[in-house]
Amino acid sequence: MRSHIAQALIPASSLLLLLPGCTGFDTSVGPSKGQVTKASVDETMQGVRIITVTDQIARQIQAQETHASFADALPPAQPSGQVIGKGDILSVIIWEAPPAALFGGAGAGLGRMTALDTATATPLPEMQVGPMGDIAVPYAGHIRAEGRTLPEVERDIVARLSGKAHLPQVSVRLAQNAASQVTVVGEVTTSSRMPLSPKGERLLDALAAAGGTKQPVDKMTVQITRGDQVERMALSDVIANPRENIILRSGDVVTALFQPYSFTVLGAAGRNEEVNFEARGISLAQALGRMAGLEDRRADPKGVFLFRWEDPDAIPGGPRDAARDDKGRVPVIYRINMKDPATYFAMQSFAMKNRDVVYISNSPVAEFQRFFGIIASTVLPAVAVSRAF
């Protein structure tokens, strides 16, 4: 019996002796720490930079960061609502001094009265600016309204009525604003279209008119689409800085977004998933916390890497001849040594970016344990069979 068991154990002991030379056996679903660090040496990735994260590196990168600003990025807008557009509803009132020639003579023959007392006020039915951009006023004909201000339309009507009416005076009011509006959508209570007025409605006015955001303010991002230009800012930054609460322009689209940015976690982490974060940003330390840190039994604390397409100007020491994406960015791998206590201070000022990839390699001990488990699952059944005999 013992001889059979001994014979069964010989292959197991032989394999264990060969373990130090089994470097070609792939026991991990991702690259090891050594394979990542050698990527720039053996040119498996053309011109890629591997940079160890230190406090100095984190501060250099932070100094290169450009912060979004609605006030700086978007062209300034003036209060609207005075300029008439197609679809607007106008209210027109015409006054005629006595004796009224066109619009009635109710004030004539009433004795001694002032011109204001005896002037005839004639409100016309509300009229909509038509597809041709004009309105029809009795005795004045078709008046061009689109693209003009209310005083300009008033003066045009007075000029058309002069010689027909007695000292006419005209008041034109915007009864319903259908052309100058802003669209508010996204994570708001009620998506809506807000009309603009000469007051000059601002960004926070539009969000308030939509009932506010559904999610907490510090998790929200505001996006403004103005023509072909799209800009984003953290809502909390807009609230904190009155300068960013800009005046809106007709046709603007305001979108409230909940945590629109994300990074991906792979390897020996507490969770492998895509993690969302807010526009105000999070640090690398916060990112490690959100992915539940490193898995104690598998992770190599010296083998934490962050893969990123980086602006060449933000790379310490400048880029090498590396492949670039369509935005002119170059690939960079940041290495984080969790065994170094100073790294924990550097991670607090190292900001995460949208679409970053965090990879945590397996430790050599974990690789050994996994390989040993594979061998044991093959050998131990043979031992059990020998014992049965």
Protein backbone atom coordinates (compact mmCIF):
# COMPACT_ATOMS: atom_id res chain seq x y z
CA MET A 1 0.00 0.00 0.00
CA ARG A 2 2.72 2.44 0.96
CA SER A 3 4.60 1.73 -2.25
CA HIS A 4 1.56 2.64 -4.32
CA ILE A 5 1.14 5.92 -2.47
CA ALA A 6 4.81 6.72 -2.87
CA GLN A 7 4.60 6.07 -6.58
CA ALA A 8 1.60 8.40 -6.85
CA LEU A 9 3.39 11.17 -4.96
CA ILE A 10 6.53 11.07 -7.10
CA PRO A 11 4.95 13.03 -10.00
CA ALA A 12 3.65 15.64 -7.57
CA SER A 13 7.04 16.17 -5.95
CA SER A 14 8.70 16.32 -9.36
CA LEU A 15 6.30 19.01 -10.54
CA LEU A 16 6.78 21.07 -7.41
CA LEU A 17 10.53 20.97 -7.91
CA LEU A 18 10.03 22.33 -11.41
CA LEU A 19 7.86 25.27 -10.27
CA PRO A 20 10.69 27.87 -10.22
CA GLY A 21 11.29 27.24 -13.91
CA CYS A 22 7.63 27.31 -14.96
CA THR A 23 7.61 31.00 -15.82
CA GLY A 24 5.95 30.31 -19.14
CA PHE A 25 2.79 28.92 -17.52
CA ASP A 26 0.04 31.58 -17.64
CA THR A 27 -1.76 31.54 -14.31
CA SER A 28 -3.32 35.00 -14.48
CA VAL A 29 -6.08 36.55 -16.58
CA GLY A 30 -4.02 39.74 -16.92
CA PRO A 31 -0.38 40.82 -17.22
CA SER A 32 1.93 40.53 -14.25
CA LYS A 33 3.73 43.48 -12.70
CA GLY A 34 6.90 42.55 -14.60
CA GLN A 35 5.10 42.32 -17.94
CA VAL A 36 3.60 45.80 -17.51
CA THR A 37 6.84 47.45 -16.45
CA LYS A 38 8.71 45.82 -19.35
CA ALA A 39 6.21 47.09 -21.92
CA SER A 40 8.14 50.27 -22.61
CA VAL A 41 11.49 48.44 -22.73
CA ASP A 42 10.65 45.68 -25.19
CA GLU A 43 8.48 48.11 -27.25
CA THR A 44 5.35 45.97 -27.11
CA MET A 45 3.60 49.34 -26.81
CA GLN A 46 5.23 51.99 -28.98
CA GLY A 47 6.62 54.89 -26.98
CA VAL A 48 4.48 54.27 -23.90
CA ARG A 49 5.62 56.00 -20.72
CA ILE A 50 5.54 54.31 -17.31
CA ILE A 51 5.59 56.89 -14.51
CA THR A 52 5.65 56.10 -10.82
CA VAL A 53 3.13 58.23 -8.93
CA THR A 54 4.81 60.46 -6.38
CA ASP A 55 3.70 63.64 -4.67
CA GLN A 56 5.78 65.69 -7.11
CA ILE A 57 4.28 63.93 -10.15
CA ALA A 58 0.75 64.38 -8.79
CA ARG A 59 1.32 68.11 -8.28
CA GLN A 60 2.80 68.55 -11.77
CA ILE A 61 -0.18 66.87 -13.36
CA GLN A 62 -2.59 68.84 -11.20
CA ALA A 63 -0.93 72.11 -12.28
CA GLN A 64 -1.57 71.23 -15.93
CA GLU A 65 -5.26 70.58 -15.39
CA THR A 66 -7.68 73.01 -17.05
CA HIS A 67 -10.96 73.54 -15.25
CA ALA A 68 -14.19 73.93 -17.20
CA SER A 69 -15.81 77.35 -17.16
CA PHE A 70 -19.07 78.37 -18.80
CA ALA A 71 -18.15 82.04 -18.48
CA ASP A 72 -14.87 81.55 -20.38
CA ALA A 73 -15.83 78.83 -22.86
CA LEU A 74 -19.24 80.01 -24.08
CA PRO A 75 -19.76 83.24 -26.03
CA PRO A 76 -21.54 85.87 -23.92
CA ALA A 77 -25.30 86.18 -24.30
CA GLN A 78 -27.45 89.26 -23.88
CA PRO A 79 -30.90 89.25 -22.28
CA SER A 80 -33.41 88.16 -24.90
CA GLY A 81 -37.18 88.33 -25.18
CA GLN A 82 -37.24 91.76 -26.84
CA VAL A 83 -36.41 90.36 -30.27
CA ILE A 84 -39.49 88.94 -31.97
CA GLY A 85 -39.47 85.54 -33.65
CA LYS A 86 -41.82 83.35 -35.64
CA GLY A 87 -44.65 81.95 -33.55
CA ASP A 88 -44.58 84.76 -30.96
CA ILE A 89 -47.95 86.20 -29.94
CA LEU A 90 -48.11 90.02 -29.98
CA SER A 91 -50.60 92.33 -28.31
CA VAL A 92 -51.08 95.67 -30.12
CA ILE A 93 -52.92 98.72 -28.73
CA ILE A 94 -53.46 101.88 -30.84
CA TRP A 95 -54.30 105.28 -29.39
CA GLU A 96 -55.76 108.01 -31.59
CA ALA A 97 -56.11 111.63 -30.50
CA PRO A 98 -59.51 113.31 -30.97
CA PRO A 99 -61.11 113.74 -33.31
CA ALA A 100 -60.46 110.10 -34.11
CA ALA A 101 -60.45 109.42 -37.81
CA LEU A 102 -59.93 105.65 -37.97
CA PHE A 103 -60.50 103.96 -34.62
CA GLY A 104 -63.67 105.66 -33.31
CA GLY A 105 -64.61 109.00 -31.81
CA ALA A 106 -65.95 108.08 -28.40
CA GLY A 107 -64.17 110.99 -26.79
CA ALA A 108 -65.50 113.72 -29.13
CA GLY A 109 -68.01 116.34 -27.84
CA LEU A 110 -67.45 115.61 -24.13
CA GLY A 111 -66.66 119.19 -23.26
CA ARG A 112 -63.46 120.37 -21.70
CA MET A 113 -61.18 117.28 -21.39
CA THR A 114 -57.49 116.68 -21.90
CA ALA A 115 -56.17 114.90 -24.94
CA LEU A 116 -55.21 111.89 -22.79
CA ASP A 117 -58.72 111.69 -21.35
CA THR A 118 -60.37 111.83 -24.73
CA ALA A 119 -57.86 109.70 -26.68
CA THR A 120 -59.35 106.52 -28.06
CA ALA A 121 -57.57 103.29 -27.12
CA THR A 122 -58.21 100.44 -29.52
CA PRO A 123 -56.81 97.03 -28.49
CA LEU A 124 -56.43 94.74 -31.47
CA PRO A 125 -56.92 90.97 -31.20
CA GLU A 126 -53.73 89.18 -30.31
CA MET A 127 -51.84 88.18 -33.43
CA GLN A 128 -49.21 85.55 -34.08
CA VAL A 129 -46.07 86.18 -36.10
CA GLY A 130 -46.62 84.04 -39.17
CA PRO A 131 -44.31 81.84 -41.25
CA MET A 132 -43.30 84.87 -43.30
CA GLY A 133 -42.28 86.70 -40.12
CA ASP A 134 -44.91 89.45 -40.25
CA ILE A 135 -48.24 90.54 -38.71
CA ALA A 136 -51.24 92.25 -40.28
CA VAL A 137 -52.38 95.54 -38.69
CA PRO A 138 -55.61 97.22 -39.89
CA TYR A 139 -54.90 100.28 -42.11
CA ALA A 140 -51.16 99.63 -41.75
CA GLY A 141 -50.86 96.43 -43.75
CA HIS A 142 -48.29 93.71 -43.21
CA ILE A 143 -45.60 94.72 -40.73
CA ARG A 144 -42.29 92.91 -40.58
CA ALA A 145 -41.81 91.56 -37.02
CA GLU A 146 -39.32 88.67 -37.06
CA GLY A 147 -35.86 89.67 -35.91
CA ARG A 148 -36.99 93.12 -34.78
CA THR A 149 -37.50 94.63 -31.33
CA LEU A 150 -40.85 95.76 -29.96
CA PRO A 151 -40.03 99.51 -30.23
CA GLU A 152 -39.02 99.02 -33.88
CA VAL A 153 -42.39 97.43 -34.69
CA GLU A 154 -44.17 100.23 -32.79
CA ARG A 155 -42.43 102.92 -34.83
CA ASP A 156 -43.18 101.08 -38.07
CA ILE A 157 -46.92 100.90 -37.28
CA VAL A 158 -47.02 104.60 -36.33
CA ALA A 159 -45.31 105.50 -39.59
CA ARG A 160 -47.81 103.44 -41.60
CA LEU A 161 -50.80 105.05 -39.80
CA SER A 162 -49.54 108.62 -40.08
CA GLY A 163 -51.80 110.58 -42.44
CA LYS A 164 -54.60 108.07 -41.89
CA ALA A 165 -55.13 108.24 -38.11
CA HIS A 166 -55.06 111.39 -35.99
CA LEU A 167 -51.75 111.56 -34.06
CA PRO A 168 -51.57 107.77 -33.56
CA GLN A 169 -49.62 106.20 -30.73
CA VAL A 170 -48.90 102.45 -30.61
CA SER A 171 -47.94 99.98 -27.89
CA VAL A 172 -46.72 96.48 -28.85
CA ARG A 173 -46.33 93.88 -26.12
CA LEU A 174 -45.06 90.31 -26.26
CA ALA A 175 -48.07 88.34 -25.01
CA GLN A 176 -46.53 84.91 -25.47
CA ASN A 177 -42.88 84.13 -26.13
CA ALA A 178 -42.67 81.12 -28.42
CA ALA A 179 -39.39 81.84 -30.21
CA SER A 180 -36.93 82.73 -27.42
CA GLN A 181 -36.88 79.65 -25.25
CA VAL A 182 -34.44 77.33 -23.51
CA THR A 183 -34.88 73.56 -23.28
CA VAL A 184 -34.16 71.86 -19.94
CA VAL A 185 -33.85 68.05 -19.89
CA GLY A 186 -32.08 65.26 -18.00
CA GLU A 187 -32.19 64.49 -14.30
CA VAL A 188 -34.68 67.26 -13.47
CA THR A 189 -38.11 67.01 -11.92
CA THR A 190 -39.91 68.18 -15.06
CA SER A 191 -38.32 68.53 -18.49
CA SER A 192 -39.59 71.78 -19.96
CA ARG A 193 -39.06 74.69 -22.31
CA MET A 194 -38.55 77.98 -20.47
CA PRO A 195 -39.37 81.26 -22.27
CA LEU A 196 -36.77 84.01 -22.03
CA SER A 197 -37.56 87.59 -21.12
CA PRO A 198 -35.69 90.92 -21.14
CA LYS A 199 -34.82 90.18 -17.49
CA GLY A 200 -32.12 87.80 -18.73
CA GLU A 201 -32.77 84.34 -17.31
CA ARG A 202 -29.68 82.54 -16.04
CA LEU A 203 -28.66 78.89 -15.81
CA LEU A 204 -29.92 78.34 -12.27
CA ASP A 205 -33.22 80.01 -13.20
CA ALA A 206 -33.74 77.33 -15.86
CA LEU A 207 -33.01 74.49 -13.41
CA ALA A 208 -35.34 76.04 -10.84
CA ALA A 209 -38.11 76.39 -13.44
CA ALA A 210 -37.72 72.65 -14.18
CA GLY A 211 -38.26 71.83 -10.52
CA GLY A 212 -34.62 71.31 -9.61
CA THR A 213 -32.50 68.16 -9.97
CA LYS A 214 -33.57 64.68 -8.89
CA GLN A 215 -30.17 63.75 -7.46
CA PRO A 216 -27.98 65.52 -4.85
CA VAL A 217 -26.34 68.70 -6.10
CA ASP A 218 -22.78 67.50 -5.43
CA LYS A 219 -23.34 64.50 -7.74
CA MET A 220 -24.76 66.49 -10.66
CA THR A 221 -23.15 67.85 -13.82
CA VAL A 222 -24.69 70.59 -15.97
CA GLN A 223 -24.19 70.50 -19.72
CA ILE A 224 -24.99 73.47 -21.96
CA THR A 225 -25.36 72.94 -25.70
CA ARG A 226 -25.15 76.20 -27.62
CA GLY A 227 -25.13 75.62 -31.36
CA ASP A 228 -22.30 73.18 -32.10
CA GLN A 229 -20.54 73.86 -28.79
CA VAL A 230 -21.01 71.59 -25.77
CA GLU A 231 -19.60 72.44 -22.33
CA ARG A 232 -19.90 70.72 -18.93
CA MET A 233 -19.43 71.84 -15.36
CA ALA A 234 -20.15 70.47 -11.90
CA LEU A 235 -23.40 71.97 -10.62
CA SER A 236 -21.82 72.62 -7.22
CA ASP A 237 -19.14 74.77 -8.93
CA VAL A 238 -21.83 76.81 -10.70
CA ILE A 239 -23.60 77.42 -7.41
CA ALA A 240 -20.36 78.34 -5.64
CA ASN A 241 -19.25 80.83 -8.31
CA PRO A 242 -21.88 83.42 -9.43
CA ARG A 243 -19.78 84.18 -12.51
CA GLU A 244 -20.59 80.71 -13.89
CA ASN A 245 -24.34 81.30 -13.55
CA ILE A 246 -24.39 82.70 -17.07
CA ILE A 247 -27.23 84.34 -19.01
CA LEU A 248 -28.87 81.87 -21.36
CA ARG A 249 -29.38 82.40 -25.07
CA SER A 250 -32.38 81.41 -27.15
CA GLY A 251 -31.98 77.84 -28.38
CA ASP A 252 -29.70 76.72 -25.53
CA VAL A 253 -30.20 73.16 -24.28
CA VAL A 254 -29.51 72.63 -20.58
CA THR A 255 -28.98 68.99 -19.59
CA ALA A 256 -28.66 67.81 -15.99
CA LEU A 257 -26.46 64.70 -15.79
CA PHE A 258 -25.94 62.37 -12.83
CA GLN A 259 -22.33 61.20 -12.46
CA PRO A 260 -21.55 61.19 -16.20
CA TYR A 261 -17.89 60.14 -15.86
CA SER A 262 -16.48 56.72 -15.05
CA PHE A 263 -13.33 54.61 -14.70
CA THR A 264 -12.92 50.85 -15.09
CA VAL A 265 -11.36 48.50 -12.52
CA LEU A 266 -9.72 45.22 -13.56
CA GLY A 267 -7.56 42.60 -11.88
CA ALA A 268 -7.13 41.77 -8.20
CA ALA A 269 -9.49 44.45 -6.87
CA GLY A 270 -12.37 44.15 -4.47
CA ARG A 271 -14.74 44.57 -7.45
CA ASN A 272 -14.17 44.46 -11.21
CA GLU A 273 -16.61 46.98 -12.63
CA GLU A 274 -17.16 50.38 -14.16
CA VAL A 275 -17.35 53.01 -11.42
CA ASN A 276 -19.20 56.27 -12.02
CA PHE A 277 -18.08 59.56 -10.53
CA GLU A 278 -19.16 63.19 -10.62
CA ALA A 279 -17.78 66.09 -12.67
CA ARG A 280 -16.19 67.78 -9.68
CA GLY A 281 -13.79 64.84 -9.74
CA ILE A 282 -12.36 62.34 -7.31
CA SER A 283 -8.83 61.52 -6.29
CA LEU A 284 -7.02 58.24 -6.85
CA ALA A 285 -7.38 57.52 -3.14
CA GLN A 286 -11.16 57.93 -3.40
CA ALA A 287 -11.21 55.73 -6.51
CA LEU A 288 -9.45 52.88 -4.68
CA GLY A 289 -12.00 53.23 -1.90
CA ARG A 290 -14.95 53.05 -4.29
CA MET A 291 -13.68 49.84 -5.85
CA ALA A 292 -13.32 48.26 -2.38
CA GLY A 293 -9.52 48.43 -2.42
CA LEU A 294 -7.16 45.59 -3.23
CA GLU A 295 -8.00 41.95 -2.68
CA ASP A 296 -5.71 40.91 0.15
CA ARG A 297 -5.00 37.33 -0.94
CA ARG A 298 -4.40 38.07 -4.63
CA ALA A 299 -3.18 41.62 -5.19
CA ASP A 300 0.41 42.74 -5.59
CA PRO A 301 0.57 46.06 -3.69
CA LYS A 302 3.54 47.08 -5.84
CA GLY A 303 1.69 46.23 -9.04
CA VAL A 304 -1.16 48.79 -9.19
CA PHE A 305 -1.33 50.54 -12.55
CA LEU A 306 -3.47 53.28 -14.08
CA PHE A 307 -3.79 53.35 -17.88
CA ARG A 308 -4.67 56.71 -19.43
CA TRP A 309 -4.58 58.66 -22.68
CA GLU A 310 -2.83 61.83 -21.53
CA ASP A 311 -2.30 65.30 -22.94
CA PRO A 312 1.40 65.45 -23.96
CA ASP A 313 1.82 68.80 -22.17
CA ALA A 314 0.75 67.20 -18.88
CA ILE A 315 3.39 64.46 -18.92
CA PRO A 316 6.43 65.20 -16.75
CA GLY A 317 9.54 65.15 -18.92
CA GLY A 318 7.56 65.32 -22.15
CA PRO A 319 6.32 62.47 -24.37
CA ARG A 320 8.38 60.10 -26.46
CA ASP A 321 7.48 59.02 -29.98
CA ALA A 322 4.25 57.36 -29.01
CA ALA A 323 1.15 56.45 -30.93
CA ARG A 324 -1.54 59.12 -30.56
CA ASP A 325 -5.31 58.95 -30.59
CA ASP A 326 -7.63 61.16 -32.64
CA LYS A 327 -7.35 63.91 -30.00
CA GLY A 328 -3.53 63.98 -30.06
CA ARG A 329 -3.15 62.27 -26.69
CA VAL A 330 -0.45 59.70 -25.89
CA PRO A 331 -0.69 56.48 -23.81
CA VAL A 332 0.72 56.66 -20.29
CA ILE A 333 0.87 54.03 -17.54
CA TYR A 334 1.04 55.36 -13.97
CA ARG A 335 2.46 52.92 -11.44
CA ILE A 336 1.28 53.06 -7.83
CA ASN A 337 3.40 51.39 -5.15
CA MET A 338 1.07 50.75 -2.24
CA LYS A 339 4.01 49.58 -0.10
CA ASP A 340 5.42 53.11 -0.02
CA PRO A 341 3.70 55.21 2.70
CA ALA A 342 4.39 58.42 0.75
CA THR A 343 2.16 57.11 -2.05
CA TYR A 344 -0.90 57.51 0.14
CA PHE A 345 -0.31 61.27 0.31
CA ALA A 346 0.33 61.49 -3.45
CA MET A 347 -2.92 59.64 -4.23
CA GLN A 348 -4.93 62.36 -2.46
CA SER A 349 -3.88 64.97 -5.03
CA PHE A 350 -3.82 62.69 -8.09
CA ALA A 351 -7.11 63.29 -9.92
CA MET A 352 -8.97 60.60 -11.83
CA LYS A 353 -10.12 61.23 -15.39
CA ASN A 354 -12.98 59.95 -17.46
CA ARG A 355 -12.32 56.48 -18.99
CA ASP A 356 -9.25 55.74 -16.86
CA VAL A 357 -8.47 52.04 -16.42
CA VAL A 358 -7.10 50.80 -13.10
CA TYR A 359 -5.42 47.39 -13.21
CA ILE A 360 -4.14 45.47 -10.17
CA SER A 361 -1.80 42.59 -10.93
CA ASN A 362 -1.64 39.34 -8.97
CA SER A 363 1.13 38.86 -6.46
CA PRO A 364 3.78 36.13 -7.08
CA VAL A 365 2.53 34.26 -4.00
CA ALA A 366 -1.00 34.21 -5.41
CA GLU A 367 0.35 32.90 -8.71
CA PHE A 368 2.16 30.11 -6.85
CA GLN A 369 -0.94 29.22 -4.87
CA ARG A 370 -3.05 29.10 -7.98
CA PHE A 371 -0.54 26.94 -9.82
CA PHE A 372 -0.22 24.66 -6.81
CA GLY A 373 -4.01 24.32 -6.72
CA ILE A 374 -4.01 23.20 -10.35
CA ILE A 375 -1.32 20.58 -9.62
CA ALA A 376 -3.03 19.43 -6.44
CA SER A 377 -6.36 18.96 -8.23
CA THR A 378 -4.58 16.62 -10.64
CA VAL A 379 -2.35 14.67 -8.19
CA LEU A 380 -4.55 14.29 -5.11
CA PRO A 381 -7.23 12.22 -6.85
CA ALA A 382 -4.50 9.72 -7.81
CA VAL A 383 -3.45 9.49 -4.17
CA ALA A 384 -7.05 8.94 -3.13
CA VAL A 385 -7.39 6.12 -5.66
CA SER A 386 -4.19 4.49 -4.37
CA ARG A 387 -5.51 4.63 -0.82
CA ALA A 388 -8.76 3.00 -1.94
CA PHE A 389 -6.78 0.06 -3.33
